[in-house]
Amino acid sequence: MDIKENTEALFSQLENFLKTETVVGKPIKVEDVTLVPFITVNFGCATGGGGQGSGDDKKQEGSGAGMGAGAKITADAVLVIKDDTVKVLPIKNKDNLDKIIELVPEIVKKIGIKKNKGKEENGKAKP
């Protein structure tokens, strides 16, 4: 595969990865509360390659190509909709994360239930 093919393959796959939902997440509904996460996506990629020289010299060096990519996804805020109240809570502030947990006690309860079920299935019941 040459550099052009590598680059085209990389960018054709980005179309599947980068969608609107990677910026505004899917709404999560728990009883009367709806949470909509807002996230930041940072993405970088690089590609490069080298070719062999021309001529019939048997000591010519080979050719090669390579590429790499990296991504960082961070949660920035959560839009909380409960009854007639709409709030945007930044996640980076610990107090706001506590507020989200207060607004949605059912999520905390469900997480606890799932955690305990997992331990019981592994034969390690929680005391």
N, C-alpha and C. Protein backbone atom coordinates (compact mmCIF):
# COMPACT_ATOMS: atom_id res chain seq x y z
N MET A 1 0.85 -1.18 0.00
CA MET A 1 0.00 0.00 0.00
C MET A 1 0.90 1.24 0.00
N ASP A 2 0.67 2.17 -0.89
CA ASP A 2 1.48 3.38 -0.91
C ASP A 2 0.87 4.45 0.00
N ILE A 3 1.54 5.58 0.08
CA ILE A 3 1.10 6.65 0.99
C ILE A 3 -0.29 7.14 0.63
N LYS A 4 -0.55 7.30 -0.64
CA LYS A 4 -1.87 7.79 -1.06
C LYS A 4 -2.97 6.82 -0.60
N GLU A 5 -2.74 5.53 -0.80
CA GLU A 5 -3.73 4.53 -0.38
C GLU A 5 -3.89 4.51 1.14
N ASN A 6 -2.76 4.63 1.87
CA ASN A 6 -2.82 4.68 3.34
C ASN A 6 -3.65 5.86 3.82
N THR A 7 -3.38 7.01 3.24
CA THR A 7 -4.09 8.23 3.64
C THR A 7 -5.58 8.12 3.32
N GLU A 8 -5.91 7.64 2.15
CA GLU A 8 -7.32 7.48 1.77
C GLU A 8 -8.02 6.49 2.70
N ALA A 9 -7.35 5.40 3.05
CA ALA A 9 -7.95 4.41 3.95
C ALA A 9 -8.19 5.02 5.33
N LEU A 10 -7.22 5.78 5.83
CA LEU A 10 -7.36 6.42 7.14
C LEU A 10 -8.53 7.38 7.16
N PHE A 11 -8.59 8.27 6.19
CA PHE A 11 -9.63 9.30 6.20
C PHE A 11 -11.01 8.73 5.86
N SER A 12 -11.07 7.64 5.12
CA SER A 12 -12.39 7.04 4.86
C SER A 12 -12.96 6.44 6.14
N GLN A 13 -12.11 5.97 7.03
CA GLN A 13 -12.59 5.42 8.30
C GLN A 13 -12.96 6.52 9.30
N LEU A 14 -12.38 7.70 9.16
CA LEU A 14 -12.74 8.81 10.05
C LEU A 14 -14.20 9.19 9.91
N GLU A 15 -14.74 9.03 8.73
CA GLU A 15 -16.15 9.37 8.48
C GLU A 15 -17.06 8.56 9.40
N ASN A 16 -16.70 7.30 9.66
CA ASN A 16 -17.49 6.46 10.56
C ASN A 16 -17.31 6.86 12.01
N PHE A 17 -16.15 7.40 12.36
CA PHE A 17 -15.85 7.73 13.75
C PHE A 17 -16.39 9.09 14.16
N LEU A 18 -16.19 10.09 13.33
CA LEU A 18 -16.56 11.45 13.69
C LEU A 18 -17.99 11.74 13.23
N LYS A 19 -18.89 11.76 14.17
CA LYS A 19 -20.29 12.04 13.90
C LYS A 19 -20.76 13.12 14.87
N THR A 20 -21.96 13.62 14.66
CA THR A 20 -22.52 14.63 15.55
C THR A 20 -22.60 14.12 16.98
N GLU A 21 -22.88 12.85 17.16
CA GLU A 21 -23.01 12.29 18.49
C GLU A 21 -21.70 12.31 19.27
N THR A 22 -20.57 12.51 18.62
CA THR A 22 -19.33 12.59 19.35
C THR A 22 -19.14 13.96 19.99
N VAL A 23 -20.00 14.92 19.69
CA VAL A 23 -19.95 16.24 20.31
C VAL A 23 -21.10 16.39 21.30
N VAL A 24 -22.29 16.03 20.87
CA VAL A 24 -23.47 16.03 21.74
C VAL A 24 -23.91 14.57 21.82
N GLY A 25 -23.75 13.98 23.00
CA GLY A 25 -24.05 12.57 23.16
C GLY A 25 -25.53 12.26 23.08
N LYS A 26 -25.82 10.98 23.03
CA LYS A 26 -27.21 10.53 23.01
C LYS A 26 -27.85 10.82 24.37
N PRO A 27 -29.08 11.33 24.37
CA PRO A 27 -29.77 11.58 25.64
C PRO A 27 -29.96 10.28 26.43
N ILE A 28 -29.77 10.40 27.74
CA ILE A 28 -29.96 9.27 28.64
C ILE A 28 -31.17 9.61 29.51
N LYS A 29 -32.20 8.79 29.45
CA LYS A 29 -33.43 9.07 30.20
C LYS A 29 -33.55 8.08 31.35
N VAL A 30 -33.68 8.61 32.56
CA VAL A 30 -33.91 7.80 33.75
C VAL A 30 -35.11 8.41 34.46
N GLU A 31 -36.23 7.70 34.39
CA GLU A 31 -37.50 8.17 34.94
C GLU A 31 -37.81 9.56 34.41
N ASP A 32 -37.86 10.58 35.29
CA ASP A 32 -38.25 11.92 34.85
C ASP A 32 -37.06 12.83 34.56
N VAL A 33 -35.86 12.27 34.52
CA VAL A 33 -34.64 13.07 34.28
C VAL A 33 -34.01 12.65 32.96
N THR A 34 -33.62 13.64 32.16
CA THR A 34 -32.90 13.38 30.91
C THR A 34 -31.53 14.04 31.00
N LEU A 35 -30.49 13.28 30.71
CA LEU A 35 -29.12 13.78 30.70
C LEU A 35 -28.60 13.76 29.27
N VAL A 36 -28.00 14.88 28.86
CA VAL A 36 -27.40 14.96 27.53
C VAL A 36 -25.93 15.36 27.72
N PRO A 37 -24.99 14.45 27.46
CA PRO A 37 -23.57 14.78 27.65
C PRO A 37 -23.02 15.63 26.50
N PHE A 38 -22.14 16.55 26.85
CA PHE A 38 -21.40 17.35 25.87
C PHE A 38 -19.93 16.98 26.03
N ILE A 39 -19.31 16.58 24.92
CA ILE A 39 -17.92 16.15 24.99
C ILE A 39 -17.07 16.87 23.95
N THR A 40 -15.78 16.84 24.19
CA THR A 40 -14.81 17.39 23.24
C THR A 40 -14.02 16.24 22.64
N VAL A 41 -13.85 16.27 21.35
CA VAL A 41 -13.07 15.24 20.66
C VAL A 41 -11.86 15.91 20.03
N ASN A 42 -10.68 15.48 20.42
CA ASN A 42 -9.43 15.94 19.80
C ASN A 42 -8.88 14.76 19.01
N PHE A 43 -8.49 15.04 17.79
CA PHE A 43 -8.02 13.96 16.93
C PHE A 43 -6.82 14.43 16.12
N GLY A 44 -5.84 13.57 16.01
CA GLY A 44 -4.67 13.90 15.19
C GLY A 44 -4.23 12.68 14.41
N CYS A 45 -3.66 12.92 13.26
CA CYS A 45 -3.16 11.80 12.47
C CYS A 45 -1.96 12.26 11.65
N ALA A 46 -1.15 11.27 11.28
CA ALA A 46 0.03 11.57 10.47
C ALA A 46 0.30 10.38 9.56
N THR A 47 0.92 10.66 8.46
CA THR A 47 1.31 9.60 7.54
C THR A 47 2.62 10.00 6.87
N GLY A 48 3.39 9.04 6.50
CA GLY A 48 4.66 9.34 5.86
C GLY A 48 5.20 8.10 5.17
N GLY A 49 6.21 8.29 4.38
CA GLY A 49 6.79 7.14 3.69
C GLY A 49 8.03 7.53 2.91
N GLY A 50 8.71 6.54 2.45
CA GLY A 50 9.90 6.75 1.66
C GLY A 50 9.99 5.69 0.58
N GLY A 51 10.63 6.02 -0.51
CA GLY A 51 10.73 5.09 -1.64
C GLY A 51 12.17 4.75 -1.94
N GLN A 52 12.34 3.71 -2.71
CA GLN A 52 13.69 3.32 -3.08
C GLN A 52 14.19 4.14 -4.27
N GLY A 53 15.49 4.18 -4.41
CA GLY A 53 16.08 4.94 -5.49
C GLY A 53 15.83 4.31 -6.85
N SER A 54 16.28 4.97 -7.88
CA SER A 54 16.08 4.45 -9.24
C SER A 54 17.36 3.77 -9.72
N GLY A 55 17.23 2.96 -10.72
CA GLY A 55 18.40 2.30 -11.30
C GLY A 55 18.45 0.82 -10.96
N ASP A 56 19.53 0.18 -11.40
CA ASP A 56 19.66 -1.27 -11.21
C ASP A 56 20.63 -1.61 -10.08
N ASP A 57 20.99 -0.65 -9.25
CA ASP A 57 21.93 -0.89 -8.16
C ASP A 57 21.33 -1.86 -7.15
N LYS A 58 22.00 -2.97 -6.87
CA LYS A 58 21.49 -3.97 -5.94
C LYS A 58 21.54 -3.49 -4.48
N LYS A 59 22.23 -2.42 -4.21
CA LYS A 59 22.34 -1.91 -2.84
C LYS A 59 21.30 -0.85 -2.54
N GLN A 60 20.31 -0.77 -3.37
CA GLN A 60 19.25 0.22 -3.14
C GLN A 60 18.50 -0.12 -1.87
N GLU A 61 18.05 0.92 -1.20
CA GLU A 61 17.26 0.71 0.01
C GLU A 61 15.81 0.46 -0.37
N GLY A 62 15.09 -0.26 0.48
CA GLY A 62 13.69 -0.57 0.23
C GLY A 62 12.80 0.64 0.49
N SER A 63 11.53 0.42 0.33
CA SER A 63 10.58 1.50 0.57
C SER A 63 9.69 1.12 1.74
N GLY A 64 9.07 2.12 2.31
CA GLY A 64 8.18 1.86 3.44
C GLY A 64 7.22 3.02 3.63
N ALA A 65 6.16 2.75 4.31
CA ALA A 65 5.16 3.77 4.61
C ALA A 65 4.57 3.46 5.97
N GLY A 66 4.09 4.48 6.61
CA GLY A 66 3.46 4.28 7.90
C GLY A 66 2.49 5.39 8.21
N MET A 67 1.62 5.12 9.15
CA MET A 67 0.69 6.15 9.57
C MET A 67 0.29 5.88 11.01
N GLY A 68 -0.21 6.91 11.65
CA GLY A 68 -0.65 6.78 13.03
C GLY A 68 -1.75 7.77 13.32
N ALA A 69 -2.50 7.47 14.35
CA ALA A 69 -3.60 8.35 14.73
C ALA A 69 -3.78 8.28 16.23
N GLY A 70 -4.32 9.34 16.78
CA GLY A 70 -4.61 9.38 18.21
C GLY A 70 -5.85 10.20 18.46
N ALA A 71 -6.56 9.86 19.50
CA ALA A 71 -7.78 10.59 19.82
C ALA A 71 -7.89 10.75 21.33
N LYS A 72 -8.51 11.83 21.72
CA LYS A 72 -8.77 12.09 23.14
C LYS A 72 -10.21 12.59 23.23
N ILE A 73 -11.01 11.92 24.03
CA ILE A 73 -12.40 12.31 24.21
C ILE A 73 -12.60 12.65 25.68
N THR A 74 -13.07 13.86 25.95
CA THR A 74 -13.31 14.28 27.32
C THR A 74 -14.72 14.82 27.48
N ALA A 75 -15.31 14.48 28.61
CA ALA A 75 -16.65 14.99 28.92
C ALA A 75 -16.50 16.40 29.50
N ASP A 76 -17.25 17.34 28.96
CA ASP A 76 -17.15 18.73 29.41
C ASP A 76 -18.31 19.15 30.29
N ALA A 77 -19.51 18.74 29.92
CA ALA A 77 -20.69 19.18 30.66
C ALA A 77 -21.84 18.21 30.42
N VAL A 78 -22.86 18.36 31.24
CA VAL A 78 -24.07 17.56 31.08
C VAL A 78 -25.26 18.51 31.13
N LEU A 79 -26.14 18.37 30.16
CA LEU A 79 -27.40 19.11 30.16
C LEU A 79 -28.39 18.24 30.93
N VAL A 80 -28.93 18.79 32.02
CA VAL A 80 -29.86 18.05 32.87
C VAL A 80 -31.24 18.64 32.70
N ILE A 81 -32.19 17.80 32.29
CA ILE A 81 -33.57 18.24 32.12
C ILE A 81 -34.42 17.43 33.09
N LYS A 82 -35.04 18.13 34.04
CA LYS A 82 -35.89 17.47 35.03
C LYS A 82 -37.14 18.32 35.20
N ASP A 83 -38.28 17.74 34.91
CA ASP A 83 -39.56 18.46 34.95
C ASP A 83 -39.46 19.69 34.06
N ASP A 84 -39.63 20.88 34.64
CA ASP A 84 -39.55 22.13 33.87
C ASP A 84 -38.20 22.83 34.03
N THR A 85 -37.23 22.14 34.62
CA THR A 85 -35.93 22.74 34.90
C THR A 85 -34.88 22.21 33.92
N VAL A 86 -34.11 23.13 33.36
CA VAL A 86 -33.01 22.76 32.46
C VAL A 86 -31.74 23.41 32.99
N LYS A 87 -30.71 22.60 33.23
CA LYS A 87 -29.44 23.11 33.75
C LYS A 87 -28.29 22.54 32.92
N VAL A 88 -27.25 23.34 32.76
CA VAL A 88 -26.01 22.87 32.15
C VAL A 88 -24.98 22.85 33.26
N LEU A 89 -24.44 21.67 33.54
CA LEU A 89 -23.48 21.52 34.62
C LEU A 89 -22.13 21.08 34.06
N PRO A 90 -21.11 21.94 34.19
CA PRO A 90 -19.76 21.52 33.77
C PRO A 90 -19.28 20.36 34.64
N ILE A 91 -18.67 19.38 34.04
CA ILE A 91 -18.23 18.19 34.78
C ILE A 91 -16.90 18.41 35.48
N LYS A 92 -16.09 19.29 34.98
CA LYS A 92 -14.76 19.48 35.55
C LYS A 92 -14.82 19.97 37.00
N ASN A 93 -15.92 20.56 37.39
CA ASN A 93 -16.10 21.03 38.76
C ASN A 93 -16.73 19.91 39.57
N LYS A 94 -16.04 19.45 40.64
CA LYS A 94 -16.52 18.32 41.44
C LYS A 94 -17.90 18.60 42.03
N ASP A 95 -18.16 19.84 42.43
CA ASP A 95 -19.47 20.18 43.01
C ASP A 95 -20.59 19.91 42.01
N ASN A 96 -20.35 20.20 40.74
CA ASN A 96 -21.37 19.96 39.72
C ASN A 96 -21.61 18.48 39.50
N LEU A 97 -20.56 17.68 39.60
CA LEU A 97 -20.74 16.24 39.48
C LEU A 97 -21.60 15.73 40.63
N ASP A 98 -21.40 16.28 41.82
CA ASP A 98 -22.24 15.93 42.96
C ASP A 98 -23.69 16.33 42.71
N LYS A 99 -23.91 17.49 42.07
CA LYS A 99 -25.27 17.94 41.76
C LYS A 99 -25.96 16.98 40.79
N ILE A 100 -25.20 16.50 39.81
CA ILE A 100 -25.76 15.55 38.85
C ILE A 100 -26.20 14.28 39.59
N ILE A 101 -25.36 13.82 40.50
CA ILE A 101 -25.69 12.61 41.26
C ILE A 101 -26.93 12.85 42.12
N GLU A 102 -27.05 14.05 42.70
CA GLU A 102 -28.24 14.38 43.49
C GLU A 102 -29.49 14.39 42.62
N LEU A 103 -29.38 14.91 41.41
CA LEU A 103 -30.54 15.00 40.53
C LEU A 103 -31.00 13.64 40.01
N VAL A 104 -30.09 12.69 39.99
CA VAL A 104 -30.44 11.39 39.42
C VAL A 104 -30.05 10.27 40.39
N PRO A 105 -30.72 10.17 41.52
CA PRO A 105 -30.37 9.11 42.47
C PRO A 105 -30.61 7.71 41.91
N GLU A 106 -31.52 7.58 40.97
CA GLU A 106 -31.81 6.28 40.38
C GLU A 106 -30.60 5.72 39.63
N ILE A 107 -29.82 6.60 38.99
CA ILE A 107 -28.62 6.14 38.28
C ILE A 107 -27.63 5.55 39.27
N VAL A 108 -27.44 6.24 40.39
CA VAL A 108 -26.50 5.75 41.40
C VAL A 108 -26.98 4.41 41.94
N LYS A 109 -28.28 4.28 42.15
CA LYS A 109 -28.85 3.03 42.65
C LYS A 109 -28.62 1.90 41.63
N LYS A 110 -28.86 2.19 40.34
CA LYS A 110 -28.68 1.17 39.31
C LYS A 110 -27.22 0.76 39.18
N ILE A 111 -26.31 1.72 39.29
CA ILE A 111 -24.88 1.39 39.21
C ILE A 111 -24.51 0.47 40.36
N GLY A 112 -25.02 0.75 41.55
CA GLY A 112 -24.76 -0.11 42.71
C GLY A 112 -25.31 -1.50 42.52
N ILE A 113 -26.50 -1.62 41.95
CA ILE A 113 -27.11 -2.93 41.71
C ILE A 113 -26.28 -3.72 40.70
N LYS A 114 -25.88 -3.09 39.60
CA LYS A 114 -25.08 -3.77 38.58
C LYS A 114 -23.74 -4.20 39.15
N LYS A 115 -23.14 -3.36 39.99
CA LYS A 115 -21.85 -3.68 40.58
C LYS A 115 -21.97 -4.91 41.48
N ASN A 116 -23.02 -4.95 42.30
CA ASN A 116 -23.23 -6.10 43.18
C ASN A 116 -23.54 -7.36 42.40
N LYS A 117 -24.33 -7.27 41.33
CA LYS A 117 -24.63 -8.45 40.51
C LYS A 117 -23.36 -9.02 39.91
N GLY A 118 -22.47 -8.16 39.46
CA GLY A 118 -21.21 -8.62 38.87
C GLY A 118 -20.37 -9.37 39.88
N LYS A 119 -20.34 -8.90 41.12
CA LYS A 119 -19.55 -9.57 42.15
C LYS A 119 -20.17 -10.91 42.52
N GLU A 120 -21.51 -10.96 42.59
CA GLU A 120 -22.18 -12.21 42.93
C GLU A 120 -21.96 -13.26 41.84
N GLU A 121 -21.97 -12.84 40.56
CA GLU A 121 -21.76 -13.77 39.46
C GLU A 121 -20.35 -14.34 39.46
N ASN A 122 -19.39 -13.58 39.97
CA ASN A 122 -18.01 -14.05 40.03
C ASN A 122 -17.75 -14.86 41.30
N GLY A 123 -18.80 -15.10 42.10
CA GLY A 123 -18.63 -15.86 43.33
C GLY A 123 -18.09 -15.05 44.47
N LYS A 124 -18.05 -13.77 44.34
CA LYS A 124 -17.54 -12.90 45.40
C LYS A 124 -18.66 -11.96 45.83
N ALA A 125 -19.58 -12.45 46.59
CA ALA A 125 -20.71 -11.64 47.05
C ALA A 125 -20.21 -10.55 47.98
N LYS A 126 -20.79 -9.39 47.86
CA LYS A 126 -20.41 -8.25 48.69
C LYS A 126 -20.98 -8.45 50.09
N PRO A 127 -20.19 -8.25 51.16
CA PRO A 127 -20.68 -8.45 52.53
C PRO A 127 -21.75 -7.45 52.90
